[in-house]
Amino acid sequence: MSNKSVAAGVGLARVMAHCGGSPVGAVDFLAGAIASAPAAPEPYAALAELWQDRRSELRKGLEASGSLSAVPAQAYFLFLDGDMDNAAMALGTVTGMRPDVAWGTAPWFGDQRFLGAVSAQALAEACLRVLDYDHDLDTEEMRESFTPWFHALDVVSERSPVPESLAAMSRLPRACGRFELAFALCDRADAVDRVMWTAVARANTWRAKGDLDQAAAAFEQALTLDAANWSLYLDLADVRALQGDFSAAVALAEQGLQHEPREVSLRAAKAAYRTRLSGSADDLRDLITLAPELANTSYLDVLIDYACAGRGLPRALVAEALVLRGN
């Protein structure tokens, strides 16, 4: 018996027989049916029946098995129990792992019982879990697949406009290229209260859209809301560097260091932008020295590229720096 046959209407009795009477095996099998056709109602009906009849046994068995493949079924069980927050976060986890499957088309995810009860905080966390695996979501296919997520964001953000949560939510539509929804969430958050996280979300959306002037203005707004936050100085410095204003980038990195003098990313950025600005070999040596401490290797690559484009640098030193790229 195939997973697709369940979606076509095979009942729980046959599934249980196929799985040797094991309820945990049946859950795994039905989860496979959901993966084949997430919108089909039949696997959920079988799971609901199984949950009603064998709940205590399933709880113990699923906890012991730790099966990741069963997560879509466990998300539905949480929904059946009225635990909408954990149901959302479980679906976010499996969606992050397999965004090629339209998990959000599950009937329960668009159910008013879910949309009317899930908290903004939990849905925001679910969005962050979707993004944990760094998949490329900016395609027409992904935008279509994530339509139920966008609907959920719209409904929950209107019902419960918690600014910090809406700012976090906006990261998902931004990653999908749905900039208008990301901005709408920021606008809805600002209507309640202007907080730093919303300004940052707006800045990053403008940056993703390619409007660096608007991104810089939004980061400046964020700084008015949290002037001691070193990471905001770094964010704005990076935008100024993209604009070619390395003098401003250096000044911003230095301002950030006044608040967090030991922060390695600020120190590395300052060294890189000073190197690009003045062609200073000493600053390039500083960047080379700091490189092993910088955990974000893609950011290090960007800084090295900026620095090595400085004029008049010794070729041997540039070659030493370039070797660090991609390591």
Foldseek 3Di string as FASTA:
>chain_A
DALCVQLVPDALVVLCVVQVNDLLSSLLSLLRNCQVPVQRCRSLVRLVVSCVVQVVVNVVVCVVVVDLSNLLSVLSVCVVVLVLLVSLLSLLQVCLVPVVGLNCSHVSNLDCSNLVPHALQSNLNSLVNNPPNPDQQQDPSNVVSCVSSLVSLVSNCVVHVALLSLLSSLVNCLSNVVLVSSVVSLVSNVVVPDALSSLQSQLVSCVSVPNLVSSLVSLVVSCVRPVLQLVSLQVNLVSCVVVVNLVSSLVSLVSSCVNVVPDLVSLLSNLLSVLLVAVDQVSLVSNLVSLVVDPPLVVSLVSLVSNLNHPPHDPVSNVSSNVSRPD
